[in-house]
Amino acid sequence: MIQAVICYHNNLYIHVCFRRQILENCLKWSAITPTCSDTLSCYPYVKNDPFIITDTPHVFFAGNQPTFETRVFHGSNDIQVRLLCIPSFAQSNSCIALNLSTRECYEISFQNETPQLIQ
């Protein structure tokens, strides 16, 4: 999703904060794939579009990002959505732990013999 939006940007190197902004914009636009079918293979749907967000999620994320980034999006009516840019485990040697009750998240690094909690 984020990579597809970046295709329309004239700068080949997109700063990480801009990736977080793309994720937030997709939430505001209520579109999981805003560039579909221009940059993503997809067929048009006749009755409804399954890539439209109809209910506001509690967590909205994109994987395979360069680094771990997170923030809380504050929408209308006191709605809060945890936004997550999650890096590839193969490249970062880390995973993300998300507490579903509090929506707090932590990066856990496996670069050493003992897993390290990164705050």
N, C-alpha and C. Protein backbone atom coordinates (compact mmCIF):
# COMPACT_ATOMS: atom_id res chain seq x y z
N MET A 1 0.82 -1.18 0.00
CA MET A 1 0.00 0.00 0.00
C MET A 1 0.87 1.26 0.00
N ILE A 2 1.78 1.37 0.95
CA ILE A 2 2.63 2.56 1.03
C ILE A 2 3.54 2.64 -0.18
N GLN A 3 4.09 1.52 -0.59
CA GLN A 3 4.98 1.49 -1.75
C GLN A 3 4.24 1.94 -3.01
N ALA A 4 2.97 1.58 -3.13
CA ALA A 4 2.18 1.97 -4.30
C ALA A 4 1.98 3.48 -4.33
N VAL A 5 1.73 4.11 -3.19
CA VAL A 5 1.57 5.56 -3.13
C VAL A 5 2.89 6.26 -3.43
N ILE A 6 3.99 5.69 -2.95
CA ILE A 6 5.32 6.27 -3.19
C ILE A 6 5.64 6.32 -4.68
N CYS A 7 5.09 5.40 -5.47
CA CYS A 7 5.31 5.40 -6.92
C CYS A 7 4.91 6.72 -7.57
N TYR A 8 3.98 7.45 -6.93
CA TYR A 8 3.52 8.72 -7.48
C TYR A 8 4.35 9.90 -7.00
N HIS A 9 5.32 9.67 -6.13
CA HIS A 9 6.15 10.75 -5.60
C HIS A 9 7.40 10.88 -6.45
N ASN A 10 7.87 12.10 -6.68
CA ASN A 10 9.02 12.31 -7.56
C ASN A 10 10.36 12.06 -6.89
N ASN A 11 10.39 11.89 -5.57
CA ASN A 11 11.64 11.63 -4.86
C ASN A 11 11.75 10.13 -4.62
N LEU A 12 12.82 9.50 -5.10
CA LEU A 12 12.96 8.05 -4.95
C LEU A 12 13.19 7.65 -3.50
N TYR A 13 13.85 8.52 -2.71
CA TYR A 13 14.05 8.22 -1.29
C TYR A 13 12.97 8.95 -0.50
N ILE A 14 12.12 8.18 0.12
CA ILE A 14 11.04 8.75 0.92
C ILE A 14 11.40 8.62 2.39
N HIS A 15 11.42 9.72 3.09
CA HIS A 15 11.74 9.72 4.51
C HIS A 15 10.72 8.88 5.28
N VAL A 16 11.15 8.27 6.35
CA VAL A 16 10.30 7.38 7.15
C VAL A 16 9.05 8.11 7.64
N CYS A 17 9.20 9.35 8.06
CA CYS A 17 8.04 10.10 8.56
C CYS A 17 6.99 10.27 7.47
N PHE A 18 7.43 10.37 6.23
CA PHE A 18 6.48 10.48 5.13
C PHE A 18 5.70 9.18 4.97
N ARG A 19 6.33 8.04 5.22
CA ARG A 19 5.65 6.75 5.16
C ARG A 19 4.55 6.68 6.21
N ARG A 20 4.84 7.19 7.40
CA ARG A 20 3.83 7.24 8.45
C ARG A 20 2.67 8.14 8.02
N GLN A 21 2.99 9.23 7.34
CA GLN A 21 1.96 10.15 6.86
C GLN A 21 1.09 9.49 5.79
N ILE A 22 1.70 8.69 4.92
CA ILE A 22 0.93 7.96 3.91
C ILE A 22 -0.05 7.01 4.59
N LEU A 23 0.41 6.32 5.62
CA LEU A 23 -0.46 5.41 6.36
C LEU A 23 -1.63 6.18 6.98
N GLU A 24 -1.35 7.33 7.56
CA GLU A 24 -2.41 8.16 8.14
C GLU A 24 -3.38 8.64 7.06
N ASN A 25 -2.85 9.06 5.92
CA ASN A 25 -3.71 9.52 4.83
C ASN A 25 -4.61 8.40 4.32
N CYS A 26 -4.08 7.19 4.20
CA CYS A 26 -4.92 6.07 3.76
C CYS A 26 -6.08 5.86 4.73
N LEU A 27 -5.82 6.03 6.01
CA LEU A 27 -6.88 5.93 7.02
C LEU A 27 -7.89 7.06 6.84
N LYS A 28 -7.42 8.28 6.62
CA LYS A 28 -8.32 9.42 6.41
C LYS A 28 -9.14 9.25 5.14
N TRP A 29 -8.52 8.70 4.09
CA TRP A 29 -9.21 8.49 2.82
C TRP A 29 -10.13 7.27 2.86
N SER A 30 -10.03 6.48 3.93
CA SER A 30 -10.80 5.23 4.07
C SER A 30 -10.48 4.26 2.94
N ALA A 31 -9.24 4.24 2.52
CA ALA A 31 -8.84 3.38 1.40
C ALA A 31 -7.58 2.59 1.76
N ILE A 32 -7.69 1.28 1.74
CA ILE A 32 -6.53 0.43 2.01
C ILE A 32 -5.57 0.48 0.83
N THR A 33 -6.10 0.54 -0.37
CA THR A 33 -5.27 0.59 -1.58
C THR A 33 -5.71 1.78 -2.45
N PRO A 34 -5.28 3.00 -2.11
CA PRO A 34 -5.76 4.16 -2.85
C PRO A 34 -5.32 4.22 -4.31
N THR A 35 -4.28 3.50 -4.69
CA THR A 35 -3.80 3.55 -6.07
C THR A 35 -4.26 2.34 -6.89
N CYS A 36 -5.09 1.52 -6.32
CA CYS A 36 -5.58 0.34 -7.03
C CYS A 36 -6.53 0.81 -8.13
N SER A 37 -6.49 0.45 -9.24
CA SER A 37 -5.76 -0.54 -9.98
C SER A 37 -4.66 0.06 -10.87
N ASP A 38 -4.23 1.28 -10.53
CA ASP A 38 -3.17 1.92 -11.31
C ASP A 38 -1.81 1.28 -11.06
N THR A 39 -1.48 1.01 -9.79
CA THR A 39 -0.17 0.45 -9.47
C THR A 39 -0.25 -0.96 -8.90
N LEU A 40 -1.44 -1.42 -8.56
CA LEU A 40 -1.62 -2.76 -8.00
C LEU A 40 -2.57 -3.54 -8.89
N SER A 41 -2.28 -4.81 -9.08
CA SER A 41 -3.15 -5.65 -9.91
C SER A 41 -4.46 -5.91 -9.16
N CYS A 42 -5.54 -5.45 -9.73
CA CYS A 42 -6.84 -5.64 -9.11
C CYS A 42 -7.92 -5.43 -10.17
N TYR A 43 -8.98 -6.17 -10.03
CA TYR A 43 -10.12 -6.02 -10.92
C TYR A 43 -11.16 -5.14 -10.25
N PRO A 44 -11.89 -4.33 -11.02
CA PRO A 44 -12.95 -3.51 -10.42
C PRO A 44 -14.08 -4.39 -9.87
N TYR A 45 -14.66 -3.98 -8.79
CA TYR A 45 -15.78 -4.70 -8.20
C TYR A 45 -17.07 -3.99 -8.56
N VAL A 46 -18.10 -4.76 -8.86
CA VAL A 46 -19.36 -4.19 -9.32
C VAL A 46 -20.19 -3.65 -8.16
N LYS A 47 -20.38 -4.45 -7.11
CA LYS A 47 -21.29 -4.06 -6.03
C LYS A 47 -20.62 -3.24 -4.93
N ASN A 48 -19.45 -3.63 -4.52
CA ASN A 48 -18.75 -2.89 -3.46
C ASN A 48 -17.25 -3.07 -3.62
N ASP A 49 -16.52 -2.21 -2.97
CA ASP A 49 -15.06 -2.26 -3.02
C ASP A 49 -14.56 -2.80 -1.68
N PRO A 50 -13.96 -4.00 -1.66
CA PRO A 50 -13.51 -4.57 -0.39
C PRO A 50 -12.31 -3.85 0.22
N PHE A 51 -11.72 -2.92 -0.52
CA PHE A 51 -10.55 -2.20 -0.02
C PHE A 51 -10.91 -0.84 0.60
N ILE A 52 -12.20 -0.57 0.74
CA ILE A 52 -12.65 0.65 1.40
C ILE A 52 -12.86 0.35 2.88
N ILE A 53 -12.35 1.21 3.74
CA ILE A 53 -12.50 1.04 5.19
C ILE A 53 -13.85 1.62 5.59
N THR A 54 -14.76 0.75 6.05
CA THR A 54 -16.09 1.22 6.45
C THR A 54 -16.19 1.47 7.95
N ASP A 55 -15.43 0.74 8.75
CA ASP A 55 -15.40 0.94 10.20
C ASP A 55 -13.97 1.31 10.60
N THR A 56 -13.84 2.29 11.46
CA THR A 56 -12.52 2.73 11.89
C THR A 56 -11.84 1.64 12.71
N PRO A 57 -10.64 1.22 12.30
CA PRO A 57 -9.94 0.17 13.05
C PRO A 57 -9.27 0.74 14.30
N HIS A 58 -8.94 -0.12 15.22
CA HIS A 58 -8.17 0.28 16.41
C HIS A 58 -6.68 0.33 16.09
N VAL A 59 -6.25 -0.52 15.14
CA VAL A 59 -4.85 -0.60 14.72
C VAL A 59 -4.81 -0.63 13.20
N PHE A 60 -3.91 0.16 12.60
CA PHE A 60 -3.75 0.20 11.15
C PHE A 60 -2.26 0.12 10.88
N PHE A 61 -1.83 -0.87 10.08
CA PHE A 61 -0.39 -1.10 9.92
C PHE A 61 -0.02 -1.44 8.50
N ALA A 62 1.28 -1.26 8.21
CA ALA A 62 1.86 -1.66 6.94
C ALA A 62 3.18 -2.36 7.24
N GLY A 63 3.41 -3.48 6.60
CA GLY A 63 4.64 -4.25 6.81
C GLY A 63 5.69 -3.93 5.76
N ASN A 64 6.86 -4.53 5.93
CA ASN A 64 8.00 -4.39 5.02
C ASN A 64 8.46 -2.94 4.87
N GLN A 65 8.42 -2.19 5.96
CA GLN A 65 8.88 -0.81 5.95
C GLN A 65 10.36 -0.76 6.36
N PRO A 66 11.08 0.32 6.03
CA PRO A 66 12.51 0.38 6.34
C PRO A 66 12.81 0.34 7.84
N THR A 67 11.97 0.99 8.64
CA THR A 67 12.18 1.03 10.09
C THR A 67 10.85 0.96 10.81
N PHE A 68 10.91 0.70 12.11
CA PHE A 68 9.72 0.68 12.94
C PHE A 68 9.33 2.11 13.29
N GLU A 69 8.10 2.46 13.03
CA GLU A 69 7.57 3.78 13.38
C GLU A 69 6.14 3.58 13.87
N THR A 70 5.75 4.37 14.84
CA THR A 70 4.39 4.29 15.36
C THR A 70 3.95 5.64 15.88
N ARG A 71 2.67 5.84 15.88
CA ARG A 71 2.05 7.01 16.50
C ARG A 71 0.57 6.72 16.67
N VAL A 72 -0.09 7.53 17.45
CA VAL A 72 -1.53 7.40 17.63
C VAL A 72 -2.21 8.50 16.83
N PHE A 73 -3.12 8.11 15.96
CA PHE A 73 -3.90 9.05 15.17
C PHE A 73 -5.16 9.40 15.97
N HIS A 74 -5.41 10.70 16.13
CA HIS A 74 -6.59 11.17 16.85
C HIS A 74 -7.59 11.70 15.82
N GLY A 75 -8.68 10.97 15.64
CA GLY A 75 -9.69 11.36 14.68
C GLY A 75 -10.85 12.07 15.36
N SER A 76 -11.92 12.23 14.61
CA SER A 76 -13.11 12.87 15.17
C SER A 76 -13.78 11.95 16.19
N ASN A 77 -14.59 12.52 17.04
CA ASN A 77 -15.33 11.77 18.07
C ASN A 77 -14.41 10.99 19.00
N ASP A 78 -13.24 11.55 19.31
CA ASP A 78 -12.28 10.93 20.23
C ASP A 78 -11.81 9.54 19.78
N ILE A 79 -11.83 9.29 18.48
CA ILE A 79 -11.35 8.02 17.95
C ILE A 79 -9.83 8.04 17.93
N GLN A 80 -9.22 6.96 18.44
CA GLN A 80 -7.77 6.83 18.43
C GLN A 80 -7.40 5.54 17.71
N VAL A 81 -6.48 5.66 16.76
CA VAL A 81 -6.02 4.51 15.98
C VAL A 81 -4.51 4.44 16.10
N ARG A 82 -4.00 3.28 16.47
CA ARG A 82 -2.54 3.06 16.54
C ARG A 82 -2.05 2.79 15.12
N LEU A 83 -1.16 3.64 14.61
CA LEU A 83 -0.56 3.46 13.29
C LEU A 83 0.81 2.81 13.47
N LEU A 84 1.09 1.79 12.66
CA LEU A 84 2.35 1.06 12.78
C LEU A 84 2.99 0.86 11.41
N CYS A 85 4.23 1.26 11.27
CA CYS A 85 5.06 0.88 10.13
C CYS A 85 6.00 -0.20 10.66
N ILE A 86 5.86 -1.41 10.16
CA ILE A 86 6.58 -2.56 10.69
C ILE A 86 7.67 -2.99 9.71
N PRO A 87 8.92 -3.07 10.18
CA PRO A 87 10.01 -3.47 9.28
C PRO A 87 10.01 -4.98 9.02
N SER A 88 10.66 -5.36 7.96
CA SER A 88 10.84 -6.78 7.63
C SER A 88 11.71 -7.43 8.69
N PHE A 89 11.30 -8.59 9.20
CA PHE A 89 12.09 -9.28 10.21
C PHE A 89 13.44 -9.69 9.64
N ALA A 90 13.46 -10.10 8.38
CA ALA A 90 14.70 -10.55 7.74
C ALA A 90 15.75 -9.43 7.69
N GLN A 91 15.31 -8.19 7.58
CA GLN A 91 16.24 -7.07 7.50
C GLN A 91 16.54 -6.43 8.85
N SER A 92 15.56 -6.43 9.75
CA SER A 92 15.74 -5.72 11.02
C SER A 92 16.04 -6.62 12.21
N ASN A 93 15.79 -7.92 12.06
CA ASN A 93 15.94 -8.87 13.18
C ASN A 93 15.14 -8.43 14.39
N SER A 94 13.98 -7.85 14.15
CA SER A 94 13.12 -7.43 15.25
C SER A 94 11.66 -7.71 14.90
N CYS A 95 10.85 -7.81 15.93
CA CYS A 95 9.41 -7.97 15.74
C CYS A 95 8.71 -6.97 16.65
N ILE A 96 7.42 -6.83 16.46
CA ILE A 96 6.64 -5.86 17.21
C ILE A 96 5.66 -6.60 18.11
N ALA A 97 5.63 -6.22 19.38
CA ALA A 97 4.66 -6.75 20.33
C ALA A 97 3.62 -5.66 20.57
N LEU A 98 2.35 -6.02 20.40
CA LEU A 98 1.25 -5.07 20.55
C LEU A 98 0.31 -5.56 21.63
N ASN A 99 0.09 -4.76 22.66
CA ASN A 99 -0.88 -5.07 23.69
C ASN A 99 -2.25 -4.64 23.15
N LEU A 100 -3.12 -5.60 22.89
CA LEU A 100 -4.41 -5.29 22.28
C LEU A 100 -5.34 -4.53 23.22
N SER A 101 -5.13 -4.64 24.52
CA SER A 101 -5.98 -3.92 25.48
C SER A 101 -5.63 -2.44 25.54
N THR A 102 -4.35 -2.14 25.62
CA THR A 102 -3.91 -0.74 25.76
C THR A 102 -3.43 -0.13 24.45
N ARG A 103 -3.18 -0.96 23.46
CA ARG A 103 -2.63 -0.57 22.16
C ARG A 103 -1.22 0.01 22.26
N GLU A 104 -0.54 -0.30 23.36
CA GLU A 104 0.87 0.04 23.48
C GLU A 104 1.66 -0.98 22.67
N CYS A 105 2.74 -0.52 22.05
CA CYS A 105 3.54 -1.45 21.25
C CYS A 105 5.02 -1.25 21.54
N TYR A 106 5.76 -2.33 21.32
CA TYR A 106 7.19 -2.35 21.60
C TYR A 106 7.89 -3.13 20.50
N GLU A 107 9.10 -2.70 20.21
CA GLU A 107 9.93 -3.43 19.26
C GLU A 107 10.85 -4.35 20.06
N ILE A 108 10.91 -5.61 19.65
CA ILE A 108 11.78 -6.59 20.29
C ILE A 108 12.86 -6.97 19.30
N SER A 109 14.12 -6.71 19.67
CA SER A 109 15.25 -6.98 18.79
C SER A 109 15.87 -8.33 19.11
N PHE A 110 16.17 -9.10 18.07
CA PHE A 110 16.81 -10.40 18.19
C PHE A 110 18.23 -10.38 17.62
N GLN A 111 18.87 -9.23 17.63
CA GLN A 111 20.21 -9.12 17.07
C GLN A 111 21.26 -9.70 18.00
N ASN A 112 20.98 -9.77 19.28
CA ASN A 112 21.90 -10.37 20.25
C ASN A 112 21.39 -11.76 20.61
N GLU A 113 22.14 -12.48 21.41
CA GLU A 113 21.70 -13.81 21.84
C GLU A 113 20.45 -13.73 22.70
N THR A 114 20.32 -12.67 23.49
CA THR A 114 19.16 -12.47 24.33
C THR A 114 18.28 -11.39 23.70
N PRO A 115 16.97 -11.65 23.49
CA PRO A 115 16.10 -10.62 22.92
C PRO A 115 16.11 -9.34 23.76
N GLN A 116 16.13 -8.20 23.10
CA GLN A 116 16.17 -6.90 23.76
C GLN A 116 14.89 -6.13 23.46
N LEU A 117 14.29 -5.55 24.49
CA LEU A 117 13.13 -4.70 24.32
C LEU A 117 13.62 -3.30 24.01
N ILE A 118 13.20 -2.74 22.87
CA ILE A 118 13.62 -1.41 22.45
C ILE A 118 12.48 -0.44 22.75
N GLN A 119 12.77 0.62 23.49
CA GLN A 119 11.72 1.58 23.85
C GLN A 119 11.85 2.83 23.02
